[in-house]
Amino acid sequence: LAFYLVAIVILVAILASAVKILREYERGVVFTLGRFAGVKGPGLI
């Protein structure tokens, strides 16, 4: 049970850092390993 809880917490943390929501007036400038990868948004990123 403890192992599953730790796995769930890690998974939630990864999803939280992977999923971003941008408002209509916002844009996201994305960098991949420090290099410019594009401008995204609005919506789910």
ModelCIF file with pLDDT and N, C-alpha, C, O atoms, coordinates in Angstrom:
data_MODEL
#
_entry.id   MODEL 
#
_entity.id                         1 
_entity.type                       polymer 
_entity.pdbx_number_of_molecules   1 
#
_entity_poly.entity_id                      1 
_entity_poly.type                           'polypeptide(L)' 
_entity_poly.nstd_linkage                   no 
_entity_poly.nstd_monomer                   no 
_entity_poly.pdbx_seq_one_letter_code       LAFYLVAIVILVAILASAVKILREYERGVVFTLGRFAGVKGPGLI 
_entity_poly.pdbx_seq_one_letter_code_can   LAFYLVAIVILVAILASAVKILREYERGVVFTLGRFAGVKGPGLI 
_entity_poly.pdbx_strand_id                 A 
#
loop_
_entity_poly_seq.entity_id 
_entity_poly_seq.num 
_entity_poly_seq.mon_id 
_entity_poly_seq.hetero 
1 1  LEU n 
1 2  ALA n 
1 3  PHE n 
1 4  TYR n 
1 5  LEU n 
1 6  VAL n 
1 7  ALA n 
1 8  ILE n 
1 9  VAL n 
1 10 ILE n 
1 11 LEU n 
1 12 VAL n 
1 13 ALA n 
1 14 ILE n 
1 15 LEU n 
1 16 ALA n 
1 17 SER n 
1 18 ALA n 
1 19 VAL n 
1 20 LYS n 
1 21 ILE n 
1 22 LEU n 
1 23 ARG n 
1 24 GLU n 
1 25 TYR n 
1 26 GLU n 
1 27 ARG n 
1 28 GLY n 
1 29 VAL n 
1 30 VAL n 
1 31 PHE n 
1 32 THR n 
1 33 LEU n 
1 34 GLY n 
1 35 ARG n 
1 36 PHE n 
1 37 ALA n 
1 38 GLY n 
1 39 VAL n 
1 40 LYS n 
1 41 GLY n 
1 42 PRO n 
1 43 GLY n 
1 44 LEU n 
1 45 ILE n 
#
_struct_asym.id          A 
_struct_asym.entity_id   1 
#
loop_
_ma_qa_metric.id 
_ma_qa_metric.mode 
_ma_qa_metric.name 
_ma_qa_metric.software_group_id 
_ma_qa_metric.type 
1 global pLDDT . pLDDT 
2 local  pLDDT . pLDDT 
#
_ma_qa_metric_global.metric_id      1 
_ma_qa_metric_global.metric_value   86.60 
_ma_qa_metric_global.model_id       1 
_ma_qa_metric_global.ordinal_id     1 
#
loop_
_ma_qa_metric_local.label_asym_id 
_ma_qa_metric_local.label_comp_id 
_ma_qa_metric_local.label_seq_id 
_ma_qa_metric_local.metric_id 
_ma_qa_metric_local.metric_value 
_ma_qa_metric_local.model_id 
_ma_qa_metric_local.ordinal_id 
A LEU 1  2 74.00 1 1  
A ALA 2  2 75.00 1 2  
A PHE 3  2 71.00 1 3  
A TYR 4  2 75.00 1 4  
A LEU 5  2 81.00 1 5  
A VAL 6  2 78.00 1 6  
A ALA 7  2 80.00 1 7  
A ILE 8  2 84.00 1 8  
A VAL 9  2 81.00 1 9  
A ILE 10 2 78.00 1 10 
A LEU 11 2 80.00 1 11 
A VAL 12 2 78.00 1 12 
A ALA 13 2 78.00 1 13 
A ILE 14 2 78.00 1 14 
A LEU 15 2 78.00 1 15 
A ALA 16 2 77.00 1 16 
A SER 17 2 80.00 1 17 
A ALA 18 2 86.00 1 18 
A VAL 19 2 88.00 1 19 
A LYS 20 2 89.00 1 20 
A ILE 21 2 90.00 1 21 
A LEU 22 2 93.00 1 22 
A ARG 23 2 93.00 1 23 
A GLU 24 2 93.00 1 24 
A TYR 25 2 93.00 1 25 
A GLU 26 2 94.00 1 26 
A ARG 27 2 94.00 1 27 
A GLY 28 2 94.00 1 28 
A VAL 29 2 95.00 1 29 
A VAL 30 2 95.00 1 30 
A PHE 31 2 95.00 1 31 
A THR 32 2 93.00 1 32 
A LEU 33 2 91.00 1 33 
A GLY 34 2 89.00 1 34 
A ARG 35 2 93.00 1 35 
A PHE 36 2 94.00 1 36 
A ALA 37 2 93.00 1 37 
A GLY 38 2 93.00 1 38 
A VAL 39 2 94.00 1 39 
A LYS 40 2 92.00 1 40 
A GLY 41 2 85.00 1 41 
A PRO 42 2 91.00 1 42 
A GLY 43 2 91.00 1 43 
A LEU 44 2 90.00 1 44 
A ILE 45 2 90.00 1 45 
#
loop_
_atom_site.group_PDB 
_atom_site.id 
_atom_site.type_symbol 
_atom_site.label_atom_id 
_atom_site.label_alt_id 
_atom_site.label_comp_id 
_atom_site.label_asym_id 
_atom_site.label_entity_id 
_atom_site.label_seq_id 
_atom_site.pdbx_PDB_ins_code 
_atom_site.Cartn_x 
_atom_site.Cartn_y 
_atom_site.Cartn_z 
_atom_site.occupancy 
_atom_site.B_iso_or_equiv 
_atom_site.pdbx_formal_charge 
_atom_site.auth_seq_id 
_atom_site.auth_comp_id 
_atom_site.auth_asym_id 
_atom_site.auth_atom_id 
_atom_site.pdbx_PDB_model_num 
ATOM 1   N N  . LEU A 1 1  ? 0.829  -1.198 0.000   1.00 74.00 ? 1  LEU A N  1 
ATOM 2   C CA . LEU A 1 1  ? 0.000  0.000  0.000   1.00 74.00 ? 1  LEU A CA 1 
ATOM 3   C C  . LEU A 1 1  ? 0.874  1.263  0.000   1.00 74.00 ? 1  LEU A C  1 
ATOM 4   O O  . LEU A 1 1  ? 0.587  2.229  -0.706  1.00 74.00 ? 1  LEU A O  1 
ATOM 5   N N  . ALA A 1 2  ? 1.921  1.237  0.787   1.00 75.00 ? 2  ALA A N  1 
ATOM 6   C CA . ALA A 1 2  ? 2.818  2.396  0.837   1.00 75.00 ? 2  ALA A CA 1 
ATOM 7   C C  . ALA A 1 2  ? 3.507  2.589  -0.512  1.00 75.00 ? 2  ALA A C  1 
ATOM 8   O O  . ALA A 1 2  ? 3.693  3.717  -0.969  1.00 75.00 ? 2  ALA A O  1 
ATOM 9   N N  . PHE A 1 3  ? 3.876  1.491  -1.136  1.00 71.00 ? 3  PHE A N  1 
ATOM 10  C CA . PHE A 1 3  ? 4.527  1.598  -2.445  1.00 71.00 ? 3  PHE A CA 1 
ATOM 11  C C  . PHE A 1 3  ? 3.589  2.222  -3.469  1.00 71.00 ? 3  PHE A C  1 
ATOM 12  O O  . PHE A 1 3  ? 3.989  3.087  -4.248  1.00 71.00 ? 3  PHE A O  1 
ATOM 13  N N  . TYR A 1 4  ? 2.320  1.767  -3.459  1.00 75.00 ? 4  TYR A N  1 
ATOM 14  C CA . TYR A 1 4  ? 1.356  2.333  -4.405  1.00 75.00 ? 4  TYR A CA 1 
ATOM 15  C C  . TYR A 1 4  ? 1.076  3.810  -4.130  1.00 75.00 ? 4  TYR A C  1 
ATOM 16  O O  . TYR A 1 4  ? 0.911  4.598  -5.061  1.00 75.00 ? 4  TYR A O  1 
ATOM 17  N N  . LEU A 1 5  ? 1.025  4.182  -2.855  1.00 81.00 ? 5  LEU A N  1 
ATOM 18  C CA . LEU A 1 5  ? 0.795  5.585  -2.513  1.00 81.00 ? 5  LEU A CA 1 
ATOM 19  C C  . LEU A 1 5  ? 1.945  6.457  -3.001  1.00 81.00 ? 5  LEU A C  1 
ATOM 20  O O  . LEU A 1 5  ? 1.743  7.543  -3.544  1.00 81.00 ? 5  LEU A O  1 
ATOM 21  N N  . VAL A 1 6  ? 3.175  5.943  -2.787  1.00 78.00 ? 6  VAL A N  1 
ATOM 22  C CA . VAL A 1 6  ? 4.328  6.714  -3.256  1.00 78.00 ? 6  VAL A CA 1 
ATOM 23  C C  . VAL A 1 6  ? 4.307  6.825  -4.776  1.00 78.00 ? 6  VAL A C  1 
ATOM 24  O O  . VAL A 1 6  ? 4.615  7.882  -5.327  1.00 78.00 ? 6  VAL A O  1 
ATOM 25  N N  . ALA A 1 7  ? 3.945  5.741  -5.453  1.00 80.00 ? 7  ALA A N  1 
ATOM 26  C CA . ALA A 1 7  ? 3.890  5.772  -6.919  1.00 80.00 ? 7  ALA A CA 1 
ATOM 27  C C  . ALA A 1 7  ? 2.824  6.748  -7.410  1.00 80.00 ? 7  ALA A C  1 
ATOM 28  O O  . ALA A 1 7  ? 3.023  7.470  -8.387  1.00 80.00 ? 7  ALA A O  1 
ATOM 29  N N  . ILE A 1 8  ? 1.678  6.753  -6.703  1.00 84.00 ? 8  ILE A N  1 
ATOM 30  C CA . ILE A 1 8  ? 0.604  7.665  -7.102  1.00 84.00 ? 8  ILE A CA 1 
ATOM 31  C C  . ILE A 1 8  ? 1.035  9.117  -6.919  1.00 84.00 ? 8  ILE A C  1 
ATOM 32  O O  . ILE A 1 8  ? 0.777  9.965  -7.773  1.00 84.00 ? 8  ILE A O  1 
ATOM 33  N N  . VAL A 1 9  ? 1.702  9.395  -5.784  1.00 81.00 ? 9  VAL A N  1 
ATOM 34  C CA . VAL A 1 9  ? 2.158  10.765 -5.526  1.00 81.00 ? 9  VAL A CA 1 
ATOM 35  C C  . VAL A 1 9  ? 3.152  11.209 -6.595  1.00 81.00 ? 9  VAL A C  1 
ATOM 36  O O  . VAL A 1 9  ? 3.083  12.335 -7.087  1.00 81.00 ? 9  VAL A O  1 
ATOM 37  N N  . ILE A 1 10 ? 4.076  10.318 -6.950  1.00 78.00 ? 10 ILE A N  1 
ATOM 38  C CA . ILE A 1 10 ? 5.058  10.658 -7.987  1.00 78.00 ? 10 ILE A CA 1 
ATOM 39  C C  . ILE A 1 10 ? 4.368  10.872 -9.327  1.00 78.00 ? 10 ILE A C  1 
ATOM 40  O O  . ILE A 1 10 ? 4.719  11.787 -10.072 1.00 78.00 ? 10 ILE A O  1 
ATOM 41  N N  . LEU A 1 11 ? 3.388  10.028 -9.633  1.00 80.00 ? 11 LEU A N  1 
ATOM 42  C CA . LEU A 1 11 ? 2.662  10.169 -10.892 1.00 80.00 ? 11 LEU A CA 1 
ATOM 43  C C  . LEU A 1 11 ? 1.897  11.492 -10.947 1.00 80.00 ? 11 LEU A C  1 
ATOM 44  O O  . LEU A 1 11 ? 1.881  12.168 -11.975 1.00 80.00 ? 11 LEU A O  1 
ATOM 45  N N  . VAL A 1 12 ? 1.263  11.852 -9.829  1.00 78.00 ? 12 VAL A N  1 
ATOM 46  C CA . VAL A 1 12 ? 0.524  13.120 -9.777  1.00 78.00 ? 12 VAL A CA 1 
ATOM 47  C C  . VAL A 1 12 ? 1.474  14.301 -9.947  1.00 78.00 ? 12 VAL A C  1 
ATOM 48  O O  . VAL A 1 12 ? 1.150  15.277 -10.624 1.00 78.00 ? 12 VAL A O  1 
ATOM 49  N N  . ALA A 1 13 ? 2.658  14.204 -9.322  1.00 78.00 ? 13 ALA A N  1 
ATOM 50  C CA . ALA A 1 13 ? 3.636  15.290 -9.449  1.00 78.00 ? 13 ALA A CA 1 
ATOM 51  C C  . ALA A 1 13 ? 4.111  15.423 -10.893 1.00 78.00 ? 13 ALA A C  1 
ATOM 52  O O  . ALA A 1 13 ? 4.294  16.528 -11.404 1.00 78.00 ? 13 ALA A O  1 
ATOM 53  N N  . ILE A 1 14 ? 4.307  14.265 -11.544 1.00 78.00 ? 14 ILE A N  1 
ATOM 54  C CA . ILE A 1 14 ? 4.750  14.303 -12.942 1.00 78.00 ? 14 ILE A CA 1 
ATOM 55  C C  . ILE A 1 14 ? 3.658  14.891 -13.831 1.00 78.00 ? 14 ILE A C  1 
ATOM 56  O O  . ILE A 1 14 ? 3.934  15.706 -14.712 1.00 78.00 ? 14 ILE A O  1 
ATOM 57  N N  . LEU A 1 15 ? 2.417  14.471 -13.594 1.00 78.00 ? 15 LEU A N  1 
ATOM 58  C CA . LEU A 1 15 ? 1.320  15.016 -14.397 1.00 78.00 ? 15 LEU A CA 1 
ATOM 59  C C  . LEU A 1 15 ? 1.133  16.515 -14.161 1.00 78.00 ? 15 LEU A C  1 
ATOM 60  O O  . LEU A 1 15 ? 0.828  17.269 -15.085 1.00 78.00 ? 15 LEU A O  1 
ATOM 61  N N  . ALA A 1 16 ? 1.325  16.936 -12.891 1.00 77.00 ? 16 ALA A N  1 
ATOM 62  C CA . ALA A 1 16 ? 1.181  18.353 -12.580 1.00 77.00 ? 16 ALA A CA 1 
ATOM 63  C C  . ALA A 1 16 ? 2.228  19.182 -13.307 1.00 77.00 ? 16 ALA A C  1 
ATOM 64  O O  . ALA A 1 16 ? 1.941  20.292 -13.757 1.00 77.00 ? 16 ALA A O  1 
ATOM 65  N N  . SER A 1 17 ? 3.426  18.655 -13.423 1.00 80.00 ? 17 SER A N  1 
ATOM 66  C CA . SER A 1 17 ? 4.470  19.397 -14.129 1.00 80.00 ? 17 SER A CA 1 
ATOM 67  C C  . SER A 1 17 ? 4.342  19.271 -15.645 1.00 80.00 ? 17 SER A C  1 
ATOM 68  O O  . SER A 1 17 ? 4.903  20.076 -16.388 1.00 80.00 ? 17 SER A O  1 
ATOM 69  N N  . ALA A 1 18 ? 3.598  18.254 -16.105 1.00 86.00 ? 18 ALA A N  1 
ATOM 70  C CA . ALA A 1 18 ? 3.468  18.036 -17.548 1.00 86.00 ? 18 ALA A CA 1 
ATOM 71  C C  . ALA A 1 18 ? 2.257  18.740 -18.133 1.00 86.00 ? 18 ALA A C  1 
ATOM 72  O O  . ALA A 1 18 ? 2.260  19.108 -19.308 1.00 86.00 ? 18 ALA A O  1 
ATOM 73  N N  . VAL A 1 19 ? 1.223  18.930 -17.325 1.00 88.00 ? 19 VAL A N  1 
ATOM 74  C CA . VAL A 1 19 ? -0.022 19.524 -17.824 1.00 88.00 ? 19 VAL A CA 1 
ATOM 75  C C  . VAL A 1 19 ? -0.076 20.994 -17.417 1.00 88.00 ? 19 VAL A C  1 
ATOM 76  O O  . VAL A 1 19 ? 0.056  21.330 -16.240 1.00 88.00 ? 19 VAL A O  1 
ATOM 77  N N  . LYS A 1 20 ? -0.272 21.863 -18.406 1.00 89.00 ? 20 LYS A N  1 
ATOM 78  C CA . LYS A 1 20 ? -0.400 23.284 -18.150 1.00 89.00 ? 20 LYS A CA 1 
ATOM 79  C C  . LYS A 1 20 ? -1.662 23.796 -18.849 1.00 89.00 ? 20 LYS A C  1 
ATOM 80  O O  . LYS A 1 20 ? -2.024 23.333 -19.931 1.00 89.00 ? 20 LYS A O  1 
ATOM 81  N N  . ILE A 1 21 ? -2.313 24.748 -18.214 1.00 90.00 ? 21 ILE A N  1 
ATOM 82  C CA . ILE A 1 21 ? -3.510 25.364 -18.787 1.00 90.00 ? 21 ILE A CA 1 
ATOM 83  C C  . ILE A 1 21 ? -3.250 26.851 -18.947 1.00 90.00 ? 21 ILE A C  1 
ATOM 84  O O  . ILE A 1 21 ? -2.933 27.549 -17.984 1.00 90.00 ? 21 ILE A O  1 
ATOM 85  N N  . LEU A 1 22 ? -3.388 27.323 -20.177 1.00 93.00 ? 22 LEU A N  1 
ATOM 86  C CA . LEU A 1 22 ? -3.163 28.734 -20.484 1.00 93.00 ? 22 LEU A CA 1 
ATOM 87  C C  . LEU A 1 22 ? -4.493 29.413 -20.778 1.00 93.00 ? 22 LEU A C  1 
ATOM 88  O O  . LEU A 1 22 ? -5.338 28.872 -21.492 1.00 93.00 ? 22 LEU A O  1 
ATOM 89  N N  . ARG A 1 23 ? -4.667 30.601 -20.222 1.00 93.00 ? 23 ARG A N  1 
ATOM 90  C CA . ARG A 1 23 ? -5.890 31.374 -20.468 1.00 93.00 ? 23 ARG A CA 1 
ATOM 91  C C  . ARG A 1 23 ? -5.875 31.952 -21.876 1.00 93.00 ? 23 ARG A C  1 
ATOM 92  O O  . ARG A 1 23 ? -4.868 31.881 -22.582 1.00 93.00 ? 23 ARG A O  1 
ATOM 93  N N  . GLU A 1 24 ? -7.010 32.526 -22.274 1.00 93.00 ? 24 GLU A N  1 
ATOM 94  C CA . GLU A 1 24 ? -7.139 33.040 -23.631 1.00 93.00 ? 24 GLU A CA 1 
ATOM 95  C C  . GLU A 1 24 ? -6.114 34.126 -23.942 1.00 93.00 ? 24 GLU A C  1 
ATOM 96  O O  . GLU A 1 24 ? -5.651 34.227 -25.078 1.00 93.00 ? 24 GLU A O  1 
ATOM 97  N N  . TYR A 1 25 ? -5.756 34.933 -22.960 1.00 93.00 ? 25 TYR A N  1 
ATOM 98  C CA . TYR A 1 25 ? -4.830 36.039 -23.172 1.00 93.00 ? 25 TYR A CA 1 
ATOM 99  C C  . TYR A 1 25 ? -3.379 35.656 -22.881 1.00 93.00 ? 25 TYR A C  1 
ATOM 100 O O  . TYR A 1 25 ? -2.510 36.528 -22.861 1.00 93.00 ? 25 TYR A O  1 
ATOM 101 N N  . GLU A 1 26 ? -3.099 34.365 -22.655 1.00 94.00 ? 26 GLU A N  1 
ATOM 102 C CA . GLU A 1 26 ? -1.749 33.915 -22.349 1.00 94.00 ? 26 GLU A CA 1 
ATOM 103 C C  . GLU A 1 26 ? -1.189 33.036 -23.461 1.00 94.00 ? 26 GLU A C  1 
ATOM 104 O O  . GLU A 1 26 ? -1.927 32.342 -24.160 1.00 94.00 ? 26 GLU A O  1 
ATOM 105 N N  . ARG A 1 27 ? 0.124  33.082 -23.606 1.00 94.00 ? 27 ARG A N  1 
ATOM 106 C CA . ARG A 1 27 ? 0.837  32.180 -24.505 1.00 94.00 ? 27 ARG A CA 1 
ATOM 107 C C  . ARG A 1 27 ? 2.012  31.582 -23.743 1.00 94.00 ? 27 ARG A C  1 
ATOM 108 O O  . ARG A 1 27 ? 2.547  32.190 -22.816 1.00 94.00 ? 27 ARG A O  1 
ATOM 109 N N  . GLY A 1 28 ? 2.401  30.376 -24.154 1.00 94.00 ? 28 GLY A N  1 
ATOM 110 C CA . GLY A 1 28 ? 3.507  29.701 -23.496 1.00 94.00 ? 28 GLY A CA 1 
ATOM 111 C C  . GLY A 1 28 ? 4.688  29.538 -24.442 1.00 94.00 ? 28 GLY A C  1 
ATOM 112 O O  . GLY A 1 28 ? 4.563  28.922 -25.500 1.00 94.00 ? 28 GLY A O  1 
ATOM 113 N N  . VAL A 1 29 ? 5.833  30.089 -24.061 1.00 95.00 ? 29 VAL A N  1 
ATOM 114 C CA . VAL A 1 29 ? 7.067  29.929 -24.830 1.00 95.00 ? 29 VAL A CA 1 
ATOM 115 C C  . VAL A 1 29 ? 7.777  28.685 -24.282 1.00 95.00 ? 29 VAL A C  1 
ATOM 116 O O  . VAL A 1 29 ? 8.218  28.667 -23.133 1.00 95.00 ? 29 VAL A O  1 
ATOM 117 N N  . VAL A 1 30 ? 7.881  27.652 -25.118 1.00 95.00 ? 30 VAL A N  1 
ATOM 118 C CA . VAL A 1 30 ? 8.370  26.344 -24.676 1.00 95.00 ? 30 VAL A CA 1 
ATOM 119 C C  . VAL A 1 30 ? 9.836  26.180 -25.079 1.00 95.00 ? 30 VAL A C  1 
ATOM 120 O O  . VAL A 1 30 ? 10.231 26.496 -26.201 1.00 95.00 ? 30 VAL A O  1 
ATOM 121 N N  . PHE A 1 31 ? 10.634 25.674 -24.127 1.00 95.00 ? 31 PHE A N  1 
ATOM 122 C CA . PHE A 1 31 ? 12.041 25.365 -24.369 1.00 95.00 ? 31 PHE A CA 1 
ATOM 123 C C  . PHE A 1 31 ? 12.264 23.880 -24.117 1.00 95.00 ? 31 PHE A C  1 
ATOM 124 O O  . PHE A 1 31 ? 11.840 23.346 -23.092 1.00 95.00 ? 31 PHE A O  1 
ATOM 125 N N  . THR A 1 32 ? 12.927 23.223 -25.047 1.00 93.00 ? 32 THR A N  1 
ATOM 126 C CA . THR A 1 32 ? 13.272 21.803 -24.908 1.00 93.00 ? 32 THR A CA 1 
ATOM 127 C C  . THR A 1 32 ? 14.779 21.691 -24.715 1.00 93.00 ? 32 THR A C  1 
ATOM 128 O O  . THR A 1 32 ? 15.568 21.976 -25.616 1.00 93.00 ? 32 THR A O  1 
ATOM 129 N N  . LEU A 1 33 ? 15.152 21.265 -23.506 1.00 91.00 ? 33 LEU A N  1 
ATOM 130 C CA . LEU A 1 33 ? 16.569 21.182 -23.138 1.00 91.00 ? 33 LEU A CA 1 
ATOM 131 C C  . LEU A 1 33 ? 17.288 22.512 -23.410 1.00 91.00 ? 33 LEU A C  1 
ATOM 132 O O  . LEU A 1 33 ? 18.428 22.546 -23.875 1.00 91.00 ? 33 LEU A O  1 
ATOM 133 N N  . GLY A 1 34 ? 16.580 23.599 -23.104 1.00 89.00 ? 34 GLY A N  1 
ATOM 134 C CA . GLY A 1 34 ? 17.170 24.921 -23.226 1.00 89.00 ? 34 GLY A CA 1 
ATOM 135 C C  . GLY A 1 34 ? 17.014 25.574 -24.585 1.00 89.00 ? 34 GLY A C  1 
ATOM 136 O O  . GLY A 1 34 ? 17.322 26.757 -24.731 1.00 89.00 ? 34 GLY A O  1 
ATOM 137 N N  . ARG A 1 35 ? 16.550 24.848 -25.576 1.00 93.00 ? 35 ARG A N  1 
ATOM 138 C CA . ARG A 1 35 ? 16.403 25.399 -26.913 1.00 93.00 ? 35 ARG A CA 1 
ATOM 139 C C  . ARG A 1 35 ? 14.931 25.747 -27.161 1.00 93.00 ? 35 ARG A C  1 
ATOM 140 O O  . ARG A 1 35 ? 14.022 25.057 -26.699 1.00 93.00 ? 35 ARG A O  1 
ATOM 141 N N  . PHE A 1 36 ? 14.727 26.844 -27.908 1.00 94.00 ? 36 PHE A N  1 
ATOM 142 C CA . PHE A 1 36 ? 13.370 27.273 -28.211 1.00 94.00 ? 36 PHE A CA 1 
ATOM 143 C C  . PHE A 1 36 ? 12.651 26.238 -29.056 1.00 94.00 ? 36 PHE A C  1 
ATOM 144 O O  . PHE A 1 36 ? 13.147 25.809 -30.098 1.00 94.00 ? 36 PHE A O  1 
ATOM 145 N N  . ALA A 1 37 ? 11.437 25.832 -28.576 1.00 93.00 ? 37 ALA A N  1 
ATOM 146 C CA . ALA A 1 37 ? 10.687 24.788 -29.258 1.00 93.00 ? 37 ALA A CA 1 
ATOM 147 C C  . ALA A 1 37 ? 9.378  25.291 -29.851 1.00 93.00 ? 37 ALA A C  1 
ATOM 148 O O  . ALA A 1 37 ? 8.724  24.553 -30.588 1.00 93.00 ? 37 ALA A O  1 
ATOM 149 N N  . GLY A 1 38 ? 8.977  26.519 -29.555 1.00 93.00 ? 38 GLY A N  1 
ATOM 150 C CA . GLY A 1 38 ? 7.749  27.035 -30.134 1.00 93.00 ? 38 GLY A CA 1 
ATOM 151 C C  . GLY A 1 38 ? 6.897  27.772 -29.114 1.00 93.00 ? 38 GLY A C  1 
ATOM 152 O O  . GLY A 1 38 ? 7.188  27.791 -27.918 1.00 93.00 ? 38 GLY A O  1 
ATOM 153 N N  . VAL A 1 39 ? 5.838  28.374 -29.629 1.00 94.00 ? 39 VAL A N  1 
ATOM 154 C CA . VAL A 1 39 ? 4.879  29.104 -28.797 1.00 94.00 ? 39 VAL A CA 1 
ATOM 155 C C  . VAL A 1 39 ? 3.567  28.345 -28.833 1.00 94.00 ? 39 VAL A C  1 
ATOM 156 O O  . VAL A 1 39 ? 3.066  28.017 -29.908 1.00 94.00 ? 39 VAL A O  1 
ATOM 157 N N  . LYS A 1 40 ? 3.008  28.066 -27.667 1.00 92.00 ? 40 LYS A N  1 
ATOM 158 C CA . LYS A 1 40 ? 1.778  27.291 -27.577 1.00 92.00 ? 40 LYS A CA 1 
ATOM 159 C C  . LYS A 1 40 ? 0.737  28.038 -26.769 1.00 92.00 ? 40 LYS A C  1 
ATOM 160 O O  . LYS A 1 40 ? 1.029  28.959 -26.006 1.00 92.00 ? 40 LYS A O  1 
ATOM 161 N N  . GLY A 1 41 ? -0.520 27.586 -26.980 1.00 85.00 ? 41 GLY A N  1 
ATOM 162 C CA . GLY A 1 41 ? -1.613 28.146 -26.215 1.00 85.00 ? 41 GLY A CA 1 
ATOM 163 C C  . GLY A 1 41 ? -2.573 28.935 -27.105 1.00 85.00 ? 41 GLY A C  1 
ATOM 164 O O  . GLY A 1 41 ? -2.269 29.198 -28.268 1.00 85.00 ? 41 GLY A O  1 
ATOM 165 N N  . PRO A 1 42 ? -3.722 29.309 -26.562 1.00 91.00 ? 42 PRO A N  1 
ATOM 166 C CA . PRO A 1 42 ? -4.188 29.000 -25.192 1.00 91.00 ? 42 PRO A CA 1 
ATOM 167 C C  . PRO A 1 42 ? -4.809 27.612 -25.095 1.00 91.00 ? 42 PRO A C  1 
ATOM 168 O O  . PRO A 1 42 ? -4.929 26.897 -26.090 1.00 91.00 ? 42 PRO A O  1 
ATOM 169 N N  . GLY A 1 43 ? -5.200 27.246 -23.876 1.00 91.00 ? 43 GLY A N  1 
ATOM 170 C CA . GLY A 1 43 ? -5.824 25.945 -23.662 1.00 91.00 ? 43 GLY A CA 1 
ATOM 171 C C  . GLY A 1 43 ? -4.909 24.997 -22.896 1.00 91.00 ? 43 GLY A C  1 
ATOM 172 O O  . GLY A 1 43 ? -4.057 25.421 -22.115 1.00 91.00 ? 43 GLY A O  1 
ATOM 173 N N  . LEU A 1 44 ? -5.105 23.703 -23.140 1.00 90.00 ? 44 LEU A N  1 
ATOM 174 C CA . LEU A 1 44 ? -4.354 22.652 -22.449 1.00 90.00 ? 44 LEU A CA 1 
ATOM 175 C C  . LEU A 1 44 ? -3.032 22.387 -23.166 1.00 90.00 ? 44 LEU A C  1 
ATOM 176 O O  . LEU A 1 44 ? -3.006 22.160 -24.375 1.00 90.00 ? 44 LEU A O  1 
ATOM 177 N N  . ILE A 1 45 ? -1.939 22.419 -22.410 1.00 90.00 ? 45 ILE A N  1 
ATOM 178 C CA . ILE A 1 45 ? -0.600 22.214 -22.952 1.00 90.00 ? 45 ILE A CA 1 
ATOM 179 C C  . ILE A 1 45 ? 0.037  21.027 -22.225 1.00 90.00 ? 45 ILE A C  1 
ATOM 180 O O  . ILE A 1 45 ? 1.176  20.664 -22.517 1.00 90.00 ? 45 ILE A O  1 
#
